[in-house]
């Protein structure tokens, strides 16, 4: 099972801050993960926005990045401030 964490406004959009899922064998990179979760969670493009970064095992990655079923994944929305 893969543990996925949603931070900030993404947790509000998804309706939870944590989601555990068995990823199909076809979902082995971040692009396919975004599409899979959009469909599974019934979202309308929120996770496909490239401004929302992905961290794998506590490291922000350059996409597309390879995934393993045991990875800890986090979706991070952009942070504003000054």
PDB file of N, CA and C in Angstrom:
ATOM      1  N   UNK A   1       0.850  -1.187   0.000  1.00  0.00           N
ATOM      2  CA  UNK A   1       0.000   0.000   0.000  1.00  0.00           C
ATOM      3  C   UNK A   1       0.892   1.246   0.000  1.00  0.00           C
ATOM      4  N   UNK A   2       0.405   2.251  -0.674  1.00  0.00           N
ATOM      5  CA  UNK A   2       1.133   3.506  -0.785  1.00  0.00           C
ATOM      6  C   UNK A   2       0.423   4.567   0.047  1.00  0.00           C
ATOM      7  N   UNK A   3       1.191   5.257   0.869  1.00  0.00           N
ATOM      8  CA  UNK A   3       0.646   6.325   1.710  1.00  0.00           C
ATOM      9  C   UNK A   3       0.839   7.661   1.000  1.00  0.00           C
ATOM     10  N   UNK A   4      -0.262   8.390   0.830  1.00  0.00           N
ATOM     11  CA  UNK A   4      -0.222   9.689   0.164  1.00  0.00           C
ATOM     12  C   UNK A   4      -0.744  10.745   1.119  1.00  0.00           C
ATOM     13  N   UNK A   5       0.007  11.831   1.254  1.00  0.00           N
ATOM     14  CA  UNK A   5      -0.378  12.939   2.122  1.00  0.00           C
ATOM     15  C   UNK A   5      -0.653  14.162   1.248  1.00  0.00           C
ATOM     16  N   UNK A   6      -1.713  14.868   1.586  1.00  0.00           N
ATOM     17  CA  UNK A   6      -2.070  16.097   0.885  1.00  0.00           C
ATOM     18  C   UNK A   6      -1.930  17.248   1.874  1.00  0.00           C
ATOM     19  N   UNK A   7      -1.175  18.274   1.489  1.00  0.00           N
ATOM     20  CA  UNK A   7      -0.929  19.418   2.361  1.00  0.00           C
ATOM     21  C   UNK A   7      -1.740  20.617   1.919  1.00  0.00           C
ATOM     22  N   UNK A   8      -1.986  21.518   2.868  1.00  0.00           N
ATOM     23  CA  UNK A   8      -2.620  22.799   2.594  1.00  0.00           C
ATOM     24  C   UNK A   8      -3.970  22.683   1.918  1.00  0.00           C
ATOM     25  N   UNK A   9      -4.185  23.539   0.927  1.00  0.00           N
ATOM     26  CA  UNK A   9      -5.478  23.585   0.244  1.00  0.00           C
ATOM     27  C   UNK A   9      -5.810  22.278  -0.466  1.00  0.00           C
ATOM     28  N   UNK A  10      -4.802  21.479  -0.789  1.00  0.00           N
ATOM     29  CA  UNK A  10      -5.085  20.191  -1.443  1.00  0.00           C
ATOM     30  C   UNK A  10      -5.817  19.237  -0.501  1.00  0.00           C
ATOM     31  N   UNK A  11      -5.507  19.292   0.790  1.00  0.00           N
ATOM     32  CA  UNK A  11      -6.233  18.460   1.761  1.00  0.00           C
ATOM     33  C   UNK A  11      -7.709  18.853   1.783  1.00  0.00           C
ATOM     34  N   UNK A  12      -7.982  20.146   1.687  1.00  0.00           N
ATOM     35  CA  UNK A  12      -9.372  20.609   1.633  1.00  0.00           C
ATOM     36  C   UNK A  12     -10.052  20.142   0.352  1.00  0.00           C
ATOM     37  N   UNK A  13      -9.353  20.236  -0.761  1.00  0.00           N
ATOM     38  CA  UNK A  13      -9.914  19.836  -2.051  1.00  0.00           C
ATOM     39  C   UNK A  13     -10.208  18.342  -2.092  1.00  0.00           C
ATOM     40  N   UNK A  14      -9.262  17.555  -1.588  1.00  0.00           N
ATOM     41  CA  UNK A  14      -9.405  16.095  -1.604  1.00  0.00           C
ATOM     42  C   UNK A  14     -10.387  15.631  -0.529  1.00  0.00           C
ATOM     43  N   UNK A  15     -10.458  16.374   0.575  1.00  0.00           N
ATOM     44  CA  UNK A  15     -11.355  16.011   1.665  1.00  0.00           C
ATOM     45  C   UNK A  15     -10.686  15.231   2.772  1.00  0.00           C
ATOM     46  N   UNK A  16      -9.381  15.049   2.668  1.00  0.00           N
ATOM     47  CA  UNK A  16      -8.607  14.354   3.695  1.00  0.00           C
ATOM     48  C   UNK A  16      -7.137  14.727   3.527  1.00  0.00           C
ATOM     49  N   UNK A  17      -6.376  14.613   4.602  1.00  0.00           N
ATOM     50  CA  UNK A  17      -4.945  14.897   4.488  1.00  0.00           C
ATOM     51  C   UNK A  17      -4.137  13.632   4.213  1.00  0.00           C
ATOM     52  N   UNK A  18      -4.732  12.465   4.429  1.00  0.00           N
ATOM     53  CA  UNK A  18      -4.028  11.194   4.200  1.00  0.00           C
ATOM     54  C   UNK A  18      -4.907  10.257   3.393  1.00  0.00           C
ATOM     55  N   UNK A  19      -4.271   9.524   2.495  1.00  0.00           N
ATOM     56  CA  UNK A  19      -4.976   8.547   1.668  1.00  0.00           C
ATOM     57  C   UNK A  19      -4.027   7.369   1.453  1.00  0.00           C
ATOM     58  N   UNK A  20      -4.498   6.173   1.709  1.00  0.00           N
ATOM     59  CA  UNK A  20      -3.706   4.973   1.474  1.00  0.00           C
ATOM     60  C   UNK A  20      -4.364   4.196   0.347  1.00  0.00           C
ATOM     61  N   UNK A  21      -3.557   3.785  -0.620  1.00  0.00           N
ATOM     62  CA  UNK A  21      -4.110   3.154  -1.817  1.00  0.00           C
ATOM     63  C   UNK A  21      -3.144   2.091  -2.340  1.00  0.00           C
ATOM     64  N   UNK A  22      -3.698   1.061  -2.944  1.00  0.00           N
ATOM     65  CA  UNK A  22      -2.890   0.086  -3.672  1.00  0.00           C
ATOM     66  C   UNK A  22      -2.786   0.590  -5.111  1.00  0.00           C
ATOM     67  N   UNK A  23      -1.607   0.971  -5.513  1.00  0.00           N
ATOM     68  CA  UNK A  23      -1.430   1.489  -6.864  1.00  0.00           C
ATOM     69  C   UNK A  23      -1.403   0.344  -7.867  1.00  0.00           C
ATOM     70  N   UNK A  24      -2.118   0.485  -8.968  1.00  0.00           N
ATOM     71  CA  UNK A  24      -2.043  -0.535 -10.017  1.00  0.00           C
ATOM     72  C   UNK A  24      -0.626  -0.588 -10.594  1.00  0.00           C
ATOM     73  N   UNK A  25      -0.268  -1.697 -11.182  1.00  0.00           N
ATOM     74  CA  UNK A  25       1.066  -1.850 -11.775  1.00  0.00           C
ATOM     75  C   UNK A  25       1.351  -0.805 -12.846  1.00  0.00           C
ATOM     76  N   UNK A  26       0.306  -0.283 -13.472  1.00  0.00           N
ATOM     77  CA  UNK A  26       0.486   0.710 -14.533  1.00  0.00           C
ATOM     78  C   UNK A  26       0.885   2.088 -14.006  1.00  0.00           C
ATOM     79  N   UNK A  27       0.740   2.315 -12.702  1.00  0.00           N
ATOM     80  CA  UNK A  27       1.066   3.622 -12.109  1.00  0.00           C
ATOM     81  C   UNK A  27       2.452   3.535 -11.487  1.00  0.00           C
ATOM     82  N   UNK A  28       3.468   3.889 -12.284  1.00  0.00           N
ATOM     83  CA  UNK A  28       4.845   3.794 -11.827  1.00  0.00           C
ATOM     84  C   UNK A  28       5.633   5.080 -11.993  1.00  0.00           C
ATOM     85  N   UNK A  29       4.912   6.183 -12.278  1.00  0.00           N
ATOM     86  CA  UNK A  29       5.590   7.476 -12.289  1.00  0.00           C
ATOM     87  C   UNK A  29       4.603   8.552 -11.829  1.00  0.00           C
ATOM     88  N   UNK A  30       5.125   9.721 -11.559  1.00  0.00           N
ATOM     89  CA  UNK A  30       4.301  10.782 -10.980  1.00  0.00           C
ATOM     90  C   UNK A  30       3.202  11.274 -11.907  1.00  0.00           C
ATOM     91  N   UNK A  31       3.429  11.279 -13.207  1.00  0.00           N
ATOM     92  CA  UNK A  31       2.393  11.697 -14.140  1.00  0.00           C
ATOM     93  C   UNK A  31       1.203  10.754 -14.111  1.00  0.00           C
ATOM     94  N   UNK A  32       1.485   9.468 -14.113  1.00  0.00           N
ATOM     95  CA  UNK A  32       0.409   8.476 -14.057  1.00  0.00           C
ATOM     96  C   UNK A  32      -0.274   8.489 -12.697  1.00  0.00           C
ATOM     97  N   UNK A  33       0.490   8.799 -11.640  1.00  0.00           N
ATOM     98  CA  UNK A  33      -0.094   8.911 -10.309  1.00  0.00           C
ATOM     99  C   UNK A  33      -1.103  10.049 -10.264  1.00  0.00           C
ATOM    100  N   UNK A  34      -0.739  11.199 -10.817  1.00  0.00           N
ATOM    101  CA  UNK A  34      -1.660  12.345 -10.829  1.00  0.00           C
ATOM    102  C   UNK A  34      -2.972  11.972 -11.526  1.00  0.00           C
ATOM    103  N   UNK A  35      -2.877  11.336 -12.690  1.00  0.00           N
ATOM    104  CA  UNK A  35      -4.075  10.957 -13.444  1.00  0.00           C
ATOM    105  C   UNK A  35      -4.894   9.909 -12.690  1.00  0.00           C
ATOM    106  N   UNK A  36      -4.227   8.925 -12.106  1.00  0.00           N
ATOM    107  CA  UNK A  36      -4.914   7.868 -11.362  1.00  0.00           C
ATOM    108  C   UNK A  36      -5.693   8.444 -10.180  1.00  0.00           C
ATOM    109  N   UNK A  37      -5.038   9.319  -9.395  1.00  0.00           N
ATOM    110  CA  UNK A  37      -5.702   9.887  -8.218  1.00  0.00           C
ATOM    111  C   UNK A  37      -6.842  10.828  -8.609  1.00  0.00           C
ATOM    112  N   UNK A  38      -6.655  11.590  -9.676  1.00  0.00           N
ATOM    113  CA  UNK A  38      -7.745  12.459 -10.154  1.00  0.00           C
ATOM    114  C   UNK A  38      -9.000  11.622 -10.406  1.00  0.00           C
ATOM    115  N   UNK A  39      -8.818  10.487 -11.061  1.00  0.00           N
ATOM    116  CA  UNK A  39      -9.939   9.619 -11.382  1.00  0.00           C
ATOM    117  C   UNK A  39     -10.491   8.952 -10.123  1.00  0.00           C
ATOM    118  N   UNK A  40      -9.616   8.387  -9.309  1.00  0.00           N
ATOM    119  CA  UNK A  40     -10.061   7.664  -8.112  1.00  0.00           C
ATOM    120  C   UNK A  40     -10.776   8.569  -7.116  1.00  0.00           C
ATOM    121  N   UNK A  41     -10.294   9.782  -6.958  1.00  0.00           N
ATOM    122  CA  UNK A  41     -10.861  10.695  -5.967  1.00  0.00           C
ATOM    123  C   UNK A  41     -11.940  11.607  -6.550  1.00  0.00           C
ATOM    124  N   UNK A  42     -12.203  11.496  -7.838  1.00  0.00           N
ATOM    125  CA  UNK A  42     -13.261  12.303  -8.462  1.00  0.00           C
ATOM    126  C   UNK A  42     -12.952  13.783  -8.482  1.00  0.00           C
ATOM    127  N   UNK A  43     -11.703  14.130  -8.750  1.00  0.00           N
ATOM    128  CA  UNK A  43     -11.304  15.535  -8.757  1.00  0.00           C
ATOM    129  C   UNK A  43     -11.384  16.107 -10.163  1.00  0.00           C
ATOM    130  N   UNK A  44     -11.270  17.420 -10.241  1.00  0.00           N
ATOM    131  CA  UNK A  44     -11.411  18.103 -11.519  1.00  0.00           C
ATOM    132  C   UNK A  44     -10.141  18.876 -11.869  1.00  0.00           C
ATOM    133  N   UNK A  45      -9.013  18.182 -11.896  1.00  0.00           N
ATOM    134  CA  UNK A  45      -7.767  18.806 -12.322  1.00  0.00           C
ATOM    135  C   UNK A  45      -6.868  19.334 -11.228  1.00  0.00           C
ATOM    136  N   UNK A  46      -7.290  19.295  -9.973  1.00  0.00           N
ATOM    137  CA  UNK A  46      -6.493  19.893  -8.892  1.00  0.00           C
ATOM    138  C   UNK A  46      -5.104  19.263  -8.767  1.00  0.00           C
ATOM    139  N   UNK A  47      -5.012  17.957  -8.924  1.00  0.00           N
ATOM    140  CA  UNK A  47      -3.720  17.295  -8.751  1.00  0.00           C
ATOM    141  C   UNK A  47      -2.860  17.349 -10.005  1.00  0.00           C
ATOM    142  N   UNK A  48      -3.466  17.653 -11.138  1.00  0.00           N
ATOM    143  CA  UNK A  48      -2.704  17.730 -12.393  1.00  0.00           C
ATOM    144  C   UNK A  48      -1.979  19.060 -12.549  1.00  0.00           C
ATOM    145  N   UNK A  49      -2.320  20.037 -11.736  1.00  0.00           N
ATOM    146  CA  UNK A  49      -1.683  21.350 -11.809  1.00  0.00           C
ATOM    147  C   UNK A  49      -0.200  21.198 -11.465  1.00  0.00           C
ATOM    148  N   UNK A  50       0.706  21.505 -12.395  1.00  0.00           N
ATOM    149  CA  UNK A  50       2.130  21.331 -12.132  1.00  0.00           C
ATOM    150  C   UNK A  50       2.673  22.242 -11.030  1.00  0.00           C
ATOM    151  N   UNK A  51       1.899  23.258 -10.628  1.00  0.00           N
ATOM    152  CA  UNK A  51       2.318  24.098  -9.502  1.00  0.00           C
ATOM    153  C   UNK A  51       2.285  23.313  -8.198  1.00  0.00           C
ATOM    154  N   UNK A  52       1.482  22.247  -8.156  1.00  0.00           N
ATOM    155  CA  UNK A  52       1.447  21.366  -6.985  1.00  0.00           C
ATOM    156  C   UNK A  52       2.583  20.363  -7.127  1.00  0.00           C
ATOM    157  N   UNK A  53       3.563  20.477  -6.251  1.00  0.00           N
ATOM    158  CA  UNK A  53       4.757  19.631  -6.321  1.00  0.00           C
ATOM    159  C   UNK A  53       4.511  18.310  -5.621  1.00  0.00           C
ATOM    160  N   UNK A  54       5.335  17.343  -5.949  1.00  0.00           N
ATOM    161  CA  UNK A  54       5.261  16.021  -5.328  1.00  0.00           C
ATOM    162  C   UNK A  54       6.583  15.731  -4.635  1.00  0.00           C
ATOM    163  N   UNK A  55       6.480  15.214  -3.415  1.00  0.00           N
ATOM    164  CA  UNK A  55       7.647  14.723  -2.686  1.00  0.00           C
ATOM    165  C   UNK A  55       7.512  13.211  -2.561  1.00  0.00           C
ATOM    166  N   UNK A  56       8.612  12.518  -2.805  1.00  0.00           N
ATOM    167  CA  UNK A  56       8.663  11.069  -2.638  1.00  0.00           C
ATOM    168  C   UNK A  56       9.683  10.776  -1.547  1.00  0.00           C
ATOM    169  N   UNK A  57       9.226  10.092  -0.508  1.00  0.00           N
ATOM    170  CA  UNK A  57      10.094   9.763   0.631  1.00  0.00           C
ATOM    171  C   UNK A  57      10.814  11.000   1.162  1.00  0.00           C
ATOM    172  N   UNK A  58      10.041  12.068   1.339  1.00  0.00           N
ATOM    173  CA  UNK A  58      10.494  13.329   1.941  1.00  0.00           C
ATOM    174  C   UNK A  58      11.423  14.167   1.060  1.00  0.00           C
ATOM    175  N   UNK A  59      11.487  13.872  -0.232  1.00  0.00           N
ATOM    176  CA  UNK A  59      12.312  14.653  -1.144  1.00  0.00           C
ATOM    177  C   UNK A  59      11.450  15.160  -2.299  1.00  0.00           C
ATOM    178  N   UNK A  60      11.431  16.475  -2.508  1.00  0.00           N
ATOM    179  CA  UNK A  60      10.705  17.025  -3.651  1.00  0.00           C
ATOM    180  C   UNK A  60      11.421  16.557  -4.913  1.00  0.00           C
ATOM    181  N   UNK A  61      10.643  16.062  -5.875  1.00  0.00           N
ATOM    182  CA  UNK A  61      11.232  15.459  -7.065  1.00  0.00           C
ATOM    183  C   UNK A  61      11.000  16.305  -8.301  1.00  0.00           C
ATOM    184  N   UNK A  62      11.840  16.090  -9.286  1.00  0.00           N
ATOM    185  CA  UNK A  62      11.653  16.645 -10.619  1.00  0.00           C
ATOM    186  C   UNK A  62      10.842  15.610 -11.379  1.00  0.00           C
ATOM    187  N   UNK A  63       9.778  16.054 -12.018  1.00  0.00           N
ATOM    188  CA  UNK A  63       8.893  15.121 -12.714  1.00  0.00           C
ATOM    189  C   UNK A  63       9.231  15.020 -14.193  1.00  0.00           C
ATOM    190  N   UNK A  64       8.943  13.835 -14.752  1.00  0.00           N
ATOM    191  CA  UNK A  64       8.340  12.663 -14.134  1.00  0.00           C
ATOM    192  C   UNK A  64       9.369  11.899 -13.309  1.00  0.00           C
ATOM    193  N   UNK A  65       8.918  11.385 -12.173  1.00  0.00           N
ATOM    194  CA  UNK A  65       9.780  10.608 -11.287  1.00  0.00           C
ATOM    195  C   UNK A  65       9.170   9.219 -11.109  1.00  0.00           C
ATOM    196  N   UNK A  66      10.033   8.239 -10.951  1.00  0.00           N
ATOM    197  CA  UNK A  66       9.611   6.846 -10.792  1.00  0.00           C
ATOM    198  C   UNK A  66       9.086   6.606  -9.390  1.00  0.00           C
ATOM    199  N   UNK A  67       8.051   5.767  -9.294  1.00  0.00           N
ATOM    200  CA  UNK A  67       7.440   5.408  -8.007  1.00  0.00           C
ATOM    201  C   UNK A  67       7.603   3.924  -7.725  1.00  0.00           C
ATOM    202  N   UNK A  68       7.613   3.602  -6.435  1.00  0.00           N
ATOM    203  CA  UNK A  68       7.530   2.220  -5.962  1.00  0.00           C
ATOM    204  C   UNK A  68       6.323   2.136  -5.034  1.00  0.00           C
ATOM    205  N   UNK A  69       5.742   0.953  -4.918  1.00  0.00           N
ATOM    206  CA  UNK A  69       4.540   0.778  -4.107  1.00  0.00           C
ATOM    207  C   UNK A  69       4.758   1.153  -2.644  1.00  0.00           C
ATOM    208  N   UNK A  70       5.983   1.047  -2.159  1.00  0.00           N
ATOM    209  CA  UNK A  70       6.263   1.324  -0.748  1.00  0.00           C
ATOM    210  C   UNK A  70       6.611   2.789  -0.468  1.00  0.00           C
ATOM    211  N   UNK A  71       6.619   3.637  -1.491  1.00  0.00           N
ATOM    212  CA  UNK A  71       6.977   5.049  -1.313  1.00  0.00           C
ATOM    213  C   UNK A  71       5.953   5.802  -0.470  1.00  0.00           C
ATOM    214  N   UNK A  72       6.450   6.800   0.253  1.00  0.00           N
ATOM    215  CA  UNK A  72       5.601   7.781   0.919  1.00  0.00           C
ATOM    216  C   UNK A  72       5.541   8.986  -0.018  1.00  0.00           C
ATOM    217  N   UNK A  73       4.342   9.378  -0.376  1.00  0.00           N
ATOM    218  CA  UNK A  73       4.155  10.437  -1.359  1.00  0.00           C
ATOM    219  C   UNK A  73       3.407  11.598  -0.728  1.00  0.00           C
ATOM    220  N   UNK A  74       3.838  12.810  -1.044  1.00  0.00           N
ATOM    221  CA  UNK A  74       3.142  13.996  -0.557  1.00  0.00           C
ATOM    222  C   UNK A  74       2.898  14.948  -1.710  1.00  0.00           C
ATOM    223  N   UNK A  75       1.700  15.514  -1.754  1.00  0.00           N
ATOM    224  CA  UNK A  75       1.364  16.565  -2.710  1.00  0.00           C
ATOM    225  C   UNK A  75       1.428  17.899  -1.963  1.00  0.00           C
ATOM    226  N   UNK A  76       2.217  18.824  -2.508  1.00  0.00           N
ATOM    227  CA  UNK A  76       2.474  20.101  -1.860  1.00  0.00           C
ATOM    228  C   UNK A  76       1.995  21.254  -2.745  1.00  0.00           C
ATOM    229  N   UNK A  77       1.020  22.028  -2.282  1.00  0.00           N
ATOM    230  CA  UNK A  77       0.591  23.169  -3.080  1.00  0.00           C
ATOM    231  C   UNK A  77       1.623  24.289  -2.988  1.00  0.00           C
ATOM    232  N   UNK A  78       1.550  25.245  -3.915  1.00  0.00           N
ATOM    233  CA  UNK A  78       2.478  26.384  -3.823  1.00  0.00           C
ATOM    234  C   UNK A  78       2.219  27.159  -2.525  1.00  0.00           C
ATOM    235  N   UNK A  79       3.273  27.758  -2.037  1.00  0.00           N
ATOM    236  CA  UNK A  79       3.173  28.529  -0.791  1.00  0.00           C
ATOM    237  C   UNK A  79       3.419  29.989  -1.130  1.00  0.00           C
ATOM    238  N   UNK A  80       2.529  30.841  -0.674  1.00  0.00           N
ATOM    239  CA  UNK A  80       2.693  32.271  -0.917  1.00  0.00           C
ATOM    240  C   UNK A  80       3.229  32.955   0.324  1.00  0.00           C
ATOM    241  N   UNK A  81       3.665  34.134   0.147  1.00  0.00           N
ATOM    242  CA  UNK A  81       4.157  34.897   1.298  1.00  0.00           C
ATOM    243  C   UNK A  81       5.072  35.996   0.836  1.00  0.00           C
ATOM    244  N   UNK A  82       5.570  36.706   1.770  1.00  0.00           N
ATOM    245  CA  UNK A  82       6.438  37.796   1.365  1.00  0.00           C
ATOM    246  C   UNK A  82       7.414  38.161   2.411  1.00  0.00           C
TER     247      UNK A  82
END
